[in-house]
Amino acid sequence: MARPPALPSEEKVRIVVSVLSKDRTVTEAAREAQVSEQSISNWRRQFIQGGSAALAGNLISRSTTQREQALSEEVRKLKQALGEAYVELMTWRRTGDYRRVPSGTSR
């Protein structure tokens, strides 16, 4: 038996809202969407948990925050390295030590 295609999130939200507003029962919604009642129940639970988290101000996940912090630290280190390289290059140019200054075409 082939698995039915996944529903778009907008459709899931519409179904969950109709169940929560008691326009349809879980059984009716599952039959119309051709999914299991368990799927509808899971969507409803996720919908309510997501709304609760948003109202509590916990919308950003912890893993996203950690990833952003790691990337910010990497950007800080790269900026520092670039700044040090720039200062060294300017020093070489001021002292006239052109042998150590890379040309625009060298890599």
PDB file of N, CA and C in Angstrom:
ATOM      1  N   MET A   1       0.842  -1.178   0.000  1.00  0.00           N
ATOM      2  CA  MET A   1       0.000   0.000   0.000  1.00  0.00           C
ATOM      3  C   MET A   1       0.890   1.244   0.000  1.00  0.00           C
ATOM      4  N   ALA A   2       0.678   2.133  -0.934  1.00  0.00           N
ATOM      5  CA  ALA A   2       1.488   3.340  -1.066  1.00  0.00           C
ATOM      6  C   ALA A   2       1.121   4.357   0.000  1.00  0.00           C
ATOM      7  N   ARG A   3       2.127   5.058   0.436  1.00  0.00           N
ATOM      8  CA  ARG A   3       1.920   6.089   1.448  1.00  0.00           C
ATOM      9  C   ARG A   3       1.397   7.359   0.778  1.00  0.00           C
ATOM     10  N   PRO A   4       0.369   7.992   1.348  1.00  0.00           N
ATOM     11  CA  PRO A   4      -0.146   9.222   0.738  1.00  0.00           C
ATOM     12  C   PRO A   4       0.876  10.353   0.868  1.00  0.00           C
ATOM     13  N   PRO A   5       0.847  11.306  -0.055  1.00  0.00           N
ATOM     14  CA  PRO A   5       1.802  12.408   0.009  1.00  0.00           C
ATOM     15  C   PRO A   5       1.577  13.263   1.256  1.00  0.00           C
ATOM     16  N   ALA A   6       2.653  13.860   1.742  1.00  0.00           N
ATOM     17  CA  ALA A   6       2.578  14.716   2.925  1.00  0.00           C
ATOM     18  C   ALA A   6       1.764  15.970   2.608  1.00  0.00           C
ATOM     19  N   LEU A   7       1.009  16.391   3.585  1.00  0.00           N
ATOM     20  CA  LEU A   7       0.203  17.601   3.416  1.00  0.00           C
ATOM     21  C   LEU A   7       1.049  18.838   3.705  1.00  0.00           C
ATOM     22  N   PRO A   8       0.796  19.922   3.003  1.00  0.00           N
ATOM     23  CA  PRO A   8       1.508  21.168   3.311  1.00  0.00           C
ATOM     24  C   PRO A   8       1.109  21.676   4.695  1.00  0.00           C
ATOM     25  N   SER A   9       1.988  22.427   5.315  1.00  0.00           N
ATOM     26  CA  SER A   9       1.737  22.902   6.678  1.00  0.00           C
ATOM     27  C   SER A   9       0.473  23.764   6.758  1.00  0.00           C
ATOM     28  N   GLU A  10       0.182  24.527   5.705  1.00  0.00           N
ATOM     29  CA  GLU A  10      -1.023  25.367   5.735  1.00  0.00           C
ATOM     30  C   GLU A  10      -2.286  24.513   5.839  1.00  0.00           C
ATOM     31  N   GLU A  11      -2.269  23.379   5.148  1.00  0.00           N
ATOM     32  CA  GLU A  11      -3.420  22.466   5.195  1.00  0.00           C
ATOM     33  C   GLU A  11      -3.551  21.841   6.581  1.00  0.00           C
ATOM     34  N   LYS A  12      -2.426  21.480   7.167  1.00  0.00           N
ATOM     35  CA  LYS A  12      -2.450  20.912   8.517  1.00  0.00           C
ATOM     36  C   LYS A  12      -3.015  21.912   9.514  1.00  0.00           C
ATOM     37  N   VAL A  13      -2.586  23.171   9.393  1.00  0.00           N
ATOM     38  CA  VAL A  13      -3.091  24.212  10.295  1.00  0.00           C
ATOM     39  C   VAL A  13      -4.595  24.372  10.118  1.00  0.00           C
ATOM     40  N   ARG A  14      -5.052  24.390   8.872  1.00  0.00           N
ATOM     41  CA  ARG A  14      -6.493  24.530   8.616  1.00  0.00           C
ATOM     42  C   ARG A  14      -7.268  23.387   9.265  1.00  0.00           C
ATOM     43  N   ILE A  15      -6.749  22.175   9.136  1.00  0.00           N
ATOM     44  CA  ILE A  15      -7.414  21.004   9.714  1.00  0.00           C
ATOM     45  C   ILE A  15      -7.441  21.104  11.231  1.00  0.00           C
ATOM     46  N   VAL A  16      -6.304  21.444  11.832  1.00  0.00           N
ATOM     47  CA  VAL A  16      -6.222  21.530  13.300  1.00  0.00           C
ATOM     48  C   VAL A  16      -7.152  22.613  13.828  1.00  0.00           C
ATOM     49  N   VAL A  17      -7.185  23.746  13.166  1.00  0.00           N
ATOM     50  CA  VAL A  17      -8.054  24.836  13.619  1.00  0.00           C
ATOM     51  C   VAL A  17      -9.520  24.414  13.534  1.00  0.00           C
ATOM     52  N   SER A  18      -9.868  23.703  12.474  1.00  0.00           N
ATOM     53  CA  SER A  18     -11.265  23.259  12.361  1.00  0.00           C
ATOM     54  C   SER A  18     -11.615  22.243  13.453  1.00  0.00           C
ATOM     55  N   VAL A  19     -10.663  21.403  13.836  1.00  0.00           N
ATOM     56  CA  VAL A  19     -10.904  20.442  14.923  1.00  0.00           C
ATOM     57  C   VAL A  19     -10.997  21.171  16.255  1.00  0.00           C
ATOM     58  N   LEU A  20     -10.093  22.126  16.491  1.00  0.00           N
ATOM     59  CA  LEU A  20     -10.118  22.867  17.750  1.00  0.00           C
ATOM     60  C   LEU A  20     -11.373  23.729  17.888  1.00  0.00           C
ATOM     61  N   SER A  21     -11.866  24.240  16.769  1.00  0.00           N
ATOM     62  CA  SER A  21     -13.082  25.056  16.826  1.00  0.00           C
ATOM     63  C   SER A  21     -14.351  24.203  16.803  1.00  0.00           C
ATOM     64  N   LYS A  22     -14.154  22.895  16.789  1.00  0.00           N
ATOM     65  CA  LYS A  22     -15.244  21.911  16.820  1.00  0.00           C
ATOM     66  C   LYS A  22     -16.152  21.981  15.603  1.00  0.00           C
ATOM     67  N   ASP A  23     -15.604  22.444  14.472  1.00  0.00           N
ATOM     68  CA  ASP A  23     -16.339  22.388  13.216  1.00  0.00           C
ATOM     69  C   ASP A  23     -16.413  20.944  12.724  1.00  0.00           C
ATOM     70  N   ARG A  24     -15.353  20.183  13.008  1.00  0.00           N
ATOM     71  CA  ARG A  24     -15.281  18.768  12.630  1.00  0.00           C
ATOM     72  C   ARG A  24     -14.696  17.972  13.780  1.00  0.00           C
ATOM     73  N   THR A  25     -14.988  16.692  13.800  1.00  0.00           N
ATOM     74  CA  THR A  25     -14.353  15.810  14.774  1.00  0.00           C
ATOM     75  C   THR A  25     -13.016  15.349  14.209  1.00  0.00           C
ATOM     76  N   VAL A  26     -12.207  14.770  15.068  1.00  0.00           N
ATOM     77  CA  VAL A  26     -10.919  14.246  14.629  1.00  0.00           C
ATOM     78  C   VAL A  26     -11.140  13.168  13.573  1.00  0.00           C
ATOM     79  N   THR A  27     -12.131  12.340  13.784  1.00  0.00           N
ATOM     80  CA  THR A  27     -12.426  11.260  12.840  1.00  0.00           C
ATOM     81  C   THR A  27     -12.814  11.814  11.473  1.00  0.00           C
ATOM     82  N   GLU A  28     -13.697  12.807  11.444  1.00  0.00           N
ATOM     83  CA  GLU A  28     -14.102  13.412  10.176  1.00  0.00           C
ATOM     84  C   GLU A  28     -12.927  14.067   9.460  1.00  0.00           C
ATOM     85  N   ALA A  29     -12.114  14.796  10.222  1.00  0.00           N
ATOM     86  CA  ALA A  29     -10.963  15.476   9.620  1.00  0.00           C
ATOM     87  C   ALA A  29      -9.964  14.469   9.062  1.00  0.00           C
ATOM     88  N   ALA A  30      -9.747  13.383   9.783  1.00  0.00           N
ATOM     89  CA  ALA A  30      -8.816  12.354   9.323  1.00  0.00           C
ATOM     90  C   ALA A  30      -9.330  11.697   8.048  1.00  0.00           C
ATOM     91  N   ARG A  31     -10.614  11.414   8.002  1.00  0.00           N
ATOM     92  CA  ARG A  31     -11.195  10.778   6.828  1.00  0.00           C
ATOM     93  C   ARG A  31     -11.091  11.703   5.613  1.00  0.00           C
ATOM     94  N   GLU A  32     -11.400  12.982   5.791  1.00  0.00           N
ATOM     95  CA  GLU A  32     -11.350  13.942   4.682  1.00  0.00           C
ATOM     96  C   GLU A  32      -9.922  14.166   4.178  1.00  0.00           C
ATOM     97  N   ALA A  33      -8.961  14.200   5.096  1.00  0.00           N
ATOM     98  CA  ALA A  33      -7.569  14.453   4.713  1.00  0.00           C
ATOM     99  C   ALA A  33      -6.842  13.172   4.326  1.00  0.00           C
ATOM    100  N   GLN A  34      -7.503  12.040   4.506  1.00  0.00           N
ATOM    101  CA  GLN A  34      -6.932  10.726   4.202  1.00  0.00           C
ATOM    102  C   GLN A  34      -5.648  10.471   4.990  1.00  0.00           C
ATOM    103  N   VAL A  35      -5.712  10.786   6.289  1.00  0.00           N
ATOM    104  CA  VAL A  35      -4.623  10.505   7.223  1.00  0.00           C
ATOM    105  C   VAL A  35      -5.219   9.817   8.442  1.00  0.00           C
ATOM    106  N   SER A  36      -4.355   9.339   9.319  1.00  0.00           N
ATOM    107  CA  SER A  36      -4.851   8.654  10.510  1.00  0.00           C
ATOM    108  C   SER A  36      -5.313   9.662  11.564  1.00  0.00           C
ATOM    109  N   GLU A  37      -6.150   9.185  12.463  1.00  0.00           N
ATOM    110  CA  GLU A  37      -6.592  10.030  13.569  1.00  0.00           C
ATOM    111  C   GLU A  37      -5.404  10.399  14.449  1.00  0.00           C
ATOM    112  N   GLN A  38      -4.446   9.484  14.553  1.00  0.00           N
ATOM    113  CA  GLN A  38      -3.243   9.756  15.339  1.00  0.00           C
ATOM    114  C   GLN A  38      -2.467  10.938  14.754  1.00  0.00           C
ATOM    115  N   SER A  39      -2.420  11.031  13.437  1.00  0.00           N
ATOM    116  CA  SER A  39      -1.731  12.162  12.800  1.00  0.00           C
ATOM    117  C   SER A  39      -2.398  13.474  13.178  1.00  0.00           C
ATOM    118  N   ILE A  40      -3.724  13.497  13.128  1.00  0.00           N
ATOM    119  CA  ILE A  40      -4.465  14.712  13.494  1.00  0.00           C
ATOM    120  C   ILE A  40      -4.182  15.068  14.953  1.00  0.00           C
ATOM    121  N   SER A  41      -4.190  14.081  15.820  1.00  0.00           N
ATOM    122  CA  SER A  41      -3.913  14.323  17.245  1.00  0.00           C
ATOM    123  C   SER A  41      -2.498  14.850  17.451  1.00  0.00           C
ATOM    124  N   ASN A  42      -1.535  14.296  16.722  1.00  0.00           N
ATOM    125  CA  ASN A  42      -0.149  14.778  16.825  1.00  0.00           C
ATOM    126  C   ASN A  42      -0.038  16.219  16.349  1.00  0.00           C
ATOM    127  N   TRP A  43      -0.685  16.532  15.238  1.00  0.00           N
ATOM    128  CA  TRP A  43      -0.658  17.910  14.723  1.00  0.00           C
ATOM    129  C   TRP A  43      -1.270  18.872  15.730  1.00  0.00           C
ATOM    130  N   ARG A  44      -2.374  18.468  16.336  1.00  0.00           N
ATOM    131  CA  ARG A  44      -3.054  19.320  17.315  1.00  0.00           C
ATOM    132  C   ARG A  44      -2.133  19.575  18.510  1.00  0.00           C
ATOM    133  N   ARG A  45      -1.475  18.509  19.004  1.00  0.00           N
ATOM    134  CA  ARG A  45      -0.561  18.639  20.139  1.00  0.00           C
ATOM    135  C   ARG A  45       0.599  19.573  19.786  1.00  0.00           C
ATOM    136  N   GLN A  46       1.186  19.390  18.605  1.00  0.00           N
ATOM    137  CA  GLN A  46       2.297  20.242  18.167  1.00  0.00           C
ATOM    138  C   GLN A  46       1.861  21.696  18.001  1.00  0.00           C
ATOM    139  N   PHE A  47       0.666  21.883  17.489  1.00  0.00           N
ATOM    140  CA  PHE A  47       0.120  23.218  17.280  1.00  0.00           C
ATOM    141  C   PHE A  47      -0.032  23.943  18.619  1.00  0.00           C
ATOM    142  N   ILE A  48      -0.577  23.252  19.601  1.00  0.00           N
ATOM    143  CA  ILE A  48      -0.797  23.852  20.919  1.00  0.00           C
ATOM    144  C   ILE A  48       0.533  24.113  21.618  1.00  0.00           C
ATOM    145  N   GLN A  49       1.472  23.170  21.530  1.00  0.00           N
ATOM    146  CA  GLN A  49       2.786  23.364  22.157  1.00  0.00           C
ATOM    147  C   GLN A  49       3.534  24.527  21.513  1.00  0.00           C
ATOM    148  N   GLY A  50       3.446  24.641  20.192  1.00  0.00           N
ATOM    149  CA  GLY A  50       4.105  25.742  19.501  1.00  0.00           C
ATOM    150  C   GLY A  50       3.529  27.088  19.893  1.00  0.00           C
ATOM    151  N   GLY A  51       2.216  27.148  20.026  1.00  0.00           N
ATOM    152  CA  GLY A  51       1.575  28.389  20.444  1.00  0.00           C
ATOM    153  C   GLY A  51       1.940  28.759  21.861  1.00  0.00           C
ATOM    154  N   SER A  52       2.011  27.769  22.742  1.00  0.00           N
ATOM    155  CA  SER A  52       2.392  28.016  24.134  1.00  0.00           C
ATOM    156  C   SER A  52       3.827  28.522  24.218  1.00  0.00           C
ATOM    157  N   ALA A  53       4.712  27.903  23.430  1.00  0.00           N
ATOM    158  CA  ALA A  53       6.113  28.324  23.433  1.00  0.00           C
ATOM    159  C   ALA A  53       6.252  29.751  22.914  1.00  0.00           C
ATOM    160  N   ALA A  54       5.492  30.081  21.884  1.00  0.00           N
ATOM    161  CA  ALA A  54       5.560  31.430  21.314  1.00  0.00           C
ATOM    162  C   ALA A  54       5.079  32.465  22.323  1.00  0.00           C
ATOM    163  N   LEU A  55       4.008  32.157  23.035  1.00  0.00           N
ATOM    164  CA  LEU A  55       3.489  33.089  24.030  1.00  0.00           C
ATOM    165  C   LEU A  55       4.438  33.232  25.217  1.00  0.00           C
ATOM    166  N   ALA A  56       5.185  32.185  25.515  1.00  0.00           N
ATOM    167  CA  ALA A  56       6.143  32.229  26.613  1.00  0.00           C
ATOM    168  C   ALA A  56       7.450  32.886  26.191  1.00  0.00           C
ATOM    169  N   GLY A  57       7.599  33.173  24.895  1.00  0.00           N
ATOM    170  CA  GLY A  57       8.811  33.824  24.408  1.00  0.00           C
ATOM    171  C   GLY A  57       9.914  32.841  24.087  1.00  0.00           C
ATOM    172  N   ASN A  58       9.624  31.559  23.970  1.00  0.00           N
ATOM    173  CA  ASN A  58      10.629  30.536  23.683  1.00  0.00           C
ATOM    174  C   ASN A  58      10.571  30.104  22.228  1.00  0.00           C
ATOM    175  N   LEU A  59      10.343  31.024  21.338  1.00  0.00           N
ATOM    176  CA  LEU A  59      10.166  30.688  19.934  1.00  0.00           C
ATOM    177  C   LEU A  59      11.448  30.211  19.279  1.00  0.00           C
ATOM    178  N   ILE A  60      12.596  30.761  19.687  1.00  0.00           N
ATOM    179  CA  ILE A  60      13.869  30.364  19.098  1.00  0.00           C
ATOM    180  C   ILE A  60      14.370  29.125  19.823  1.00  0.00           C
ATOM    181  N   SER A  61      14.693  28.107  19.058  1.00  0.00           N
ATOM    182  CA  SER A  61      15.163  26.870  19.670  1.00  0.00           C
ATOM    183  C   SER A  61      16.574  27.046  20.208  1.00  0.00           C
ATOM    184  N   ARG A  62      16.919  26.233  21.177  1.00  0.00           N
ATOM    185  CA  ARG A  62      18.231  26.308  21.812  1.00  0.00           C
ATOM    186  C   ARG A  62      19.337  25.993  20.811  1.00  0.00           C
ATOM    187  N   SER A  63      19.105  25.009  19.930  1.00  0.00           N
ATOM    188  CA  SER A  63      20.138  24.644  18.959  1.00  0.00           C
ATOM    189  C   SER A  63      20.413  25.783  17.985  1.00  0.00           C
ATOM    190  N   THR A  64      19.385  26.529  17.611  1.00  0.00           N
ATOM    191  CA  THR A  64      19.575  27.667  16.724  1.00  0.00           C
ATOM    192  C   THR A  64      20.422  28.731  17.415  1.00  0.00           C
ATOM    193  N   THR A  65      20.146  28.993  18.671  1.00  0.00           N
ATOM    194  CA  THR A  65      20.894  29.989  19.422  1.00  0.00           C
ATOM    195  C   THR A  65      22.352  29.566  19.553  1.00  0.00           C
ATOM    196  N   GLN A  66      22.608  28.299  19.845  1.00  0.00           N
ATOM    197  CA  GLN A  66      23.977  27.810  19.969  1.00  0.00           C
ATOM    198  C   GLN A  66      24.707  27.923  18.637  1.00  0.00           C
ATOM    199  N   ARG A  67      24.028  27.606  17.556  1.00  0.00           N
ATOM    200  CA  ARG A  67      24.638  27.703  16.222  1.00  0.00           C
ATOM    201  C   ARG A  67      24.981  29.158  15.912  1.00  0.00           C
ATOM    202  N   GLU A  68      24.081  30.066  16.237  1.00  0.00           N
ATOM    203  CA  GLU A  68      24.337  31.487  15.992  1.00  0.00           C
ATOM    204  C   GLU A  68      25.519  31.975  16.819  1.00  0.00           C
ATOM    205  N   GLN A  69      25.623  31.514  18.049  1.00  0.00           N
ATOM    206  CA  GLN A  69      26.748  31.909  18.901  1.00  0.00           C
ATOM    207  C   GLN A  69      28.062  31.390  18.335  1.00  0.00           C
ATOM    208  N   ALA A  70      28.063  30.150  17.857  1.00  0.00           N
ATOM    209  CA  ALA A  70      29.278  29.572  17.274  1.00  0.00           C
ATOM    210  C   ALA A  70      29.692  30.349  16.026  1.00  0.00           C
ATOM    211  N   LEU A  71      28.716  30.698  15.188  1.00  0.00           N
ATOM    212  CA  LEU A  71      29.020  31.461  13.978  1.00  0.00           C
ATOM    213  C   LEU A  71      29.516  32.866  14.318  1.00  0.00           C
ATOM    214  N   SER A  72      28.932  33.485  15.320  1.00  0.00           N
ATOM    215  CA  SER A  72      29.378  34.818  15.742  1.00  0.00           C
ATOM    216  C   SER A  72      30.812  34.772  16.242  1.00  0.00           C
ATOM    217  N   GLU A  73      31.151  33.731  16.992  1.00  0.00           N
ATOM    218  CA  GLU A  73      32.519  33.577  17.486  1.00  0.00           C
ATOM    219  C   GLU A  73      33.492  33.386  16.325  1.00  0.00           C
ATOM    220  N   GLU A  74      33.094  32.597  15.335  1.00  0.00           N
ATOM    221  CA  GLU A  74      33.938  32.379  14.170  1.00  0.00           C
ATOM    222  C   GLU A  74      34.140  33.681  13.400  1.00  0.00           C
ATOM    223  N   VAL A  75      33.082  34.464  13.228  1.00  0.00           N
ATOM    224  CA  VAL A  75      33.184  35.754  12.544  1.00  0.00           C
ATOM    225  C   VAL A  75      34.131  36.677  13.309  1.00  0.00           C
ATOM    226  N   ARG A  76      34.030  36.684  14.646  1.00  0.00           N
ATOM    227  CA  ARG A  76      34.901  37.531  15.456  1.00  0.00           C
ATOM    228  C   ARG A  76      36.369  37.159  15.250  1.00  0.00           C
ATOM    229  N   LYS A  77      36.662  35.842  15.264  1.00  0.00           N
ATOM    230  CA  LYS A  77      38.041  35.381  15.080  1.00  0.00           C
ATOM    231  C   LYS A  77      38.562  35.728  13.685  1.00  0.00           C
ATOM    232  N   LEU A  78      37.719  35.560  12.666  1.00  0.00           N
ATOM    233  CA  LEU A  78      38.138  35.886  11.302  1.00  0.00           C
ATOM    234  C   LEU A  78      38.394  37.379  11.125  1.00  0.00           C
ATOM    235  N   LYS A  79      37.571  38.213  11.748  1.00  0.00           N
ATOM    236  CA  LYS A  79      37.791  39.657  11.682  1.00  0.00           C
ATOM    237  C   LYS A  79      39.100  40.028  12.357  1.00  0.00           C
ATOM    238  N   GLN A  80      39.381  39.387  13.481  1.00  0.00           N
ATOM    239  CA  GLN A  80      40.621  39.657  14.189  1.00  0.00           C
ATOM    240  C   GLN A  80      41.825  39.251  13.330  1.00  0.00           C
ATOM    241  N   ALA A  81      41.767  38.071  12.711  1.00  0.00           N
ATOM    242  CA  ALA A  81      42.857  37.611  11.856  1.00  0.00           C
ATOM    243  C   ALA A  81      43.042  38.535  10.657  1.00  0.00           C
ATOM    244  N   LEU A  82      41.948  38.982  10.063  1.00  0.00           N
ATOM    245  CA  LEU A  82      42.027  39.900   8.930  1.00  0.00           C
ATOM    246  C   LEU A  82      42.656  41.220   9.355  1.00  0.00           C
ATOM    247  N   GLY A  83      42.264  41.720  10.504  1.00  0.00           N
ATOM    248  CA  GLY A  83      42.835  42.965  11.017  1.00  0.00           C
ATOM    249  C   GLY A  83      44.330  42.849  11.257  1.00  0.00           C
ATOM    250  N   GLU A  84      44.761  41.725  11.845  1.00  0.00           N
ATOM    251  CA  GLU A  84      46.184  41.508  12.094  1.00  0.00           C
ATOM    252  C   GLU A  84      46.961  41.428  10.777  1.00  0.00           C
ATOM    253  N   ALA A  85      46.404  40.740   9.789  1.00  0.00           N
ATOM    254  CA  ALA A  85      47.060  40.637   8.489  1.00  0.00           C
ATOM    255  C   ALA A  85      47.166  42.010   7.824  1.00  0.00           C
ATOM    256  N   TYR A  86      46.138  42.830   7.973  1.00  0.00           N
ATOM    257  CA  TYR A  86      46.145  44.169   7.389  1.00  0.00           C
ATOM    258  C   TYR A  86      47.233  45.030   8.042  1.00  0.00           C
ATOM    259  N   VAL A  87      47.314  44.967   9.360  1.00  0.00           N
ATOM    260  CA  VAL A  87      48.330  45.753  10.068  1.00  0.00           C
ATOM    261  C   VAL A  87      49.732  45.309   9.639  1.00  0.00           C
ATOM    262  N   GLU A  88      49.952  44.004   9.519  1.00  0.00           N
ATOM    263  CA  GLU A  88      51.239  43.492   9.095  1.00  0.00           C
ATOM    264  C   GLU A  88      51.574  43.952   7.678  1.00  0.00           C
ATOM    265  N   LEU A  89      50.614  43.913   6.796  1.00  0.00           N
ATOM    266  CA  LEU A  89      50.819  44.360   5.417  1.00  0.00           C
ATOM    267  C   LEU A  89      51.171  45.838   5.366  1.00  0.00           C
ATOM    268  N   MET A  90      50.458  46.657   6.110  1.00  0.00           N
ATOM    269  CA  MET A  90      50.735  48.090   6.127  1.00  0.00           C
ATOM    270  C   MET A  90      52.120  48.363   6.704  1.00  0.00           C
ATOM    271  N   THR A  91      52.530  47.576   7.695  1.00  0.00           N
ATOM    272  CA  THR A  91      53.873  47.737   8.271  1.00  0.00           C
ATOM    273  C   THR A  91      54.929  47.422   7.236  1.00  0.00           C
ATOM    274  N   TRP A  92      54.758  46.341   6.495  1.00  0.00           N
ATOM    275  CA  TRP A  92      55.706  45.970   5.450  1.00  0.00           C
ATOM    276  C   TRP A  92      55.802  47.073   4.407  1.00  0.00           C
ATOM    277  N   ARG A  93      54.680  47.622   4.030  1.00  0.00           N
ATOM    278  CA  ARG A  93      54.682  48.667   2.999  1.00  0.00           C
ATOM    279  C   ARG A  93      55.373  49.934   3.498  1.00  0.00           C
ATOM    280  N   ARG A  94      55.164  50.284   4.761  1.00  0.00           N
ATOM    281  CA  ARG A  94      55.775  51.502   5.308  1.00  0.00           C
ATOM    282  C   ARG A  94      57.287  51.366   5.455  1.00  0.00           C
ATOM    283  N   THR A  95      57.750  50.186   5.780  1.00  0.00           N
ATOM    284  CA  THR A  95      59.193  49.987   5.984  1.00  0.00           C
ATOM    285  C   THR A  95      59.921  49.783   4.663  1.00  0.00           C
ATOM    286  N   GLY A  96      59.183  49.595   3.585  1.00  0.00           N
ATOM    287  CA  GLY A  96      59.803  49.422   2.291  1.00  0.00           C
ATOM    288  C   GLY A  96      60.263  47.996   2.032  1.00  0.00           C
ATOM    289  N   ASP A  97      59.816  47.067   2.830  1.00  0.00           N
ATOM    290  CA  ASP A  97      60.193  45.663   2.660  1.00  0.00           C
ATOM    291  C   ASP A  97      59.233  45.021   1.667  1.00  0.00           C
ATOM    292  N   TYR A  98      59.374  45.406   0.398  1.00  0.00           N
ATOM    293  CA  TYR A  98      58.432  44.969  -0.619  1.00  0.00           C
ATOM    294  C   TYR A  98      58.591  43.505  -1.005  1.00  0.00           C
ATOM    295  N   ARG A  99      59.727  42.912  -0.659  1.00  0.00           N
ATOM    296  CA  ARG A  99      59.900  41.482  -0.968  1.00  0.00           C
ATOM    297  C   ARG A  99      58.881  40.628  -0.230  1.00  0.00           C
ATOM    298  N   ARG A 100      58.462  41.074   0.947  1.00  0.00           N
ATOM    299  CA  ARG A 100      57.548  40.283   1.758  1.00  0.00           C
ATOM    300  C   ARG A 100      56.085  40.600   1.460  1.00  0.00           C
ATOM    301  N   VAL A 101      55.832  41.663   0.691  1.00  0.00           N
ATOM    302  CA  VAL A 101      54.459  42.059   0.373  1.00  0.00           C
ATOM    303  C   VAL A 101      53.987  41.260  -0.844  1.00  0.00           C
ATOM    304  N   PRO A 102      52.895  40.512  -0.692  1.00  0.00           N
ATOM    305  CA  PRO A 102      52.403  39.756  -1.847  1.00  0.00           C
ATOM    306  C   PRO A 102      51.848  40.695  -2.911  1.00  0.00           C
ATOM    307  N   SER A 103      52.090  40.337  -4.173  1.00  0.00           N
ATOM    308  CA  SER A 103      51.562  41.161  -5.254  1.00  0.00           C
ATOM    309  C   SER A 103      50.073  40.868  -5.410  1.00  0.00           C
ATOM    310  N   GLY A 104      49.425  41.707  -6.179  1.00  0.00           N
ATOM    311  CA  GLY A 104      47.988  41.532  -6.404  1.00  0.00           C
ATOM    312  C   GLY A 104      47.649  40.286  -7.183  1.00  0.00           C
ATOM    313  N   THR A 105      48.641  39.741  -7.928  1.00  0.00           N
ATOM    314  CA  THR A 105      48.369  38.555  -8.742  1.00  0.00           C
ATOM    315  C   THR A 105      48.795  37.258  -8.061  1.00  0.00           C
ATOM    316  N   SER A 106      49.588  37.344  -7.002  1.00  0.00           N
ATOM    317  CA  SER A 106      50.019  36.100  -6.329  1.00  0.00           C
ATOM    318  C   SER A 106      48.920  35.593  -5.420  1.00  0.00           C
ATOM    319  N   ARG A 107      48.944  34.306  -5.228  1.00  0.00           N
ATOM    320  CA  ARG A 107      47.922  33.708  -4.354  1.00  0.00           C
ATOM    321  C   ARG A 107      48.551  32.802  -3.370  1.00  0.00           C
TER     322      ARG A 107
END
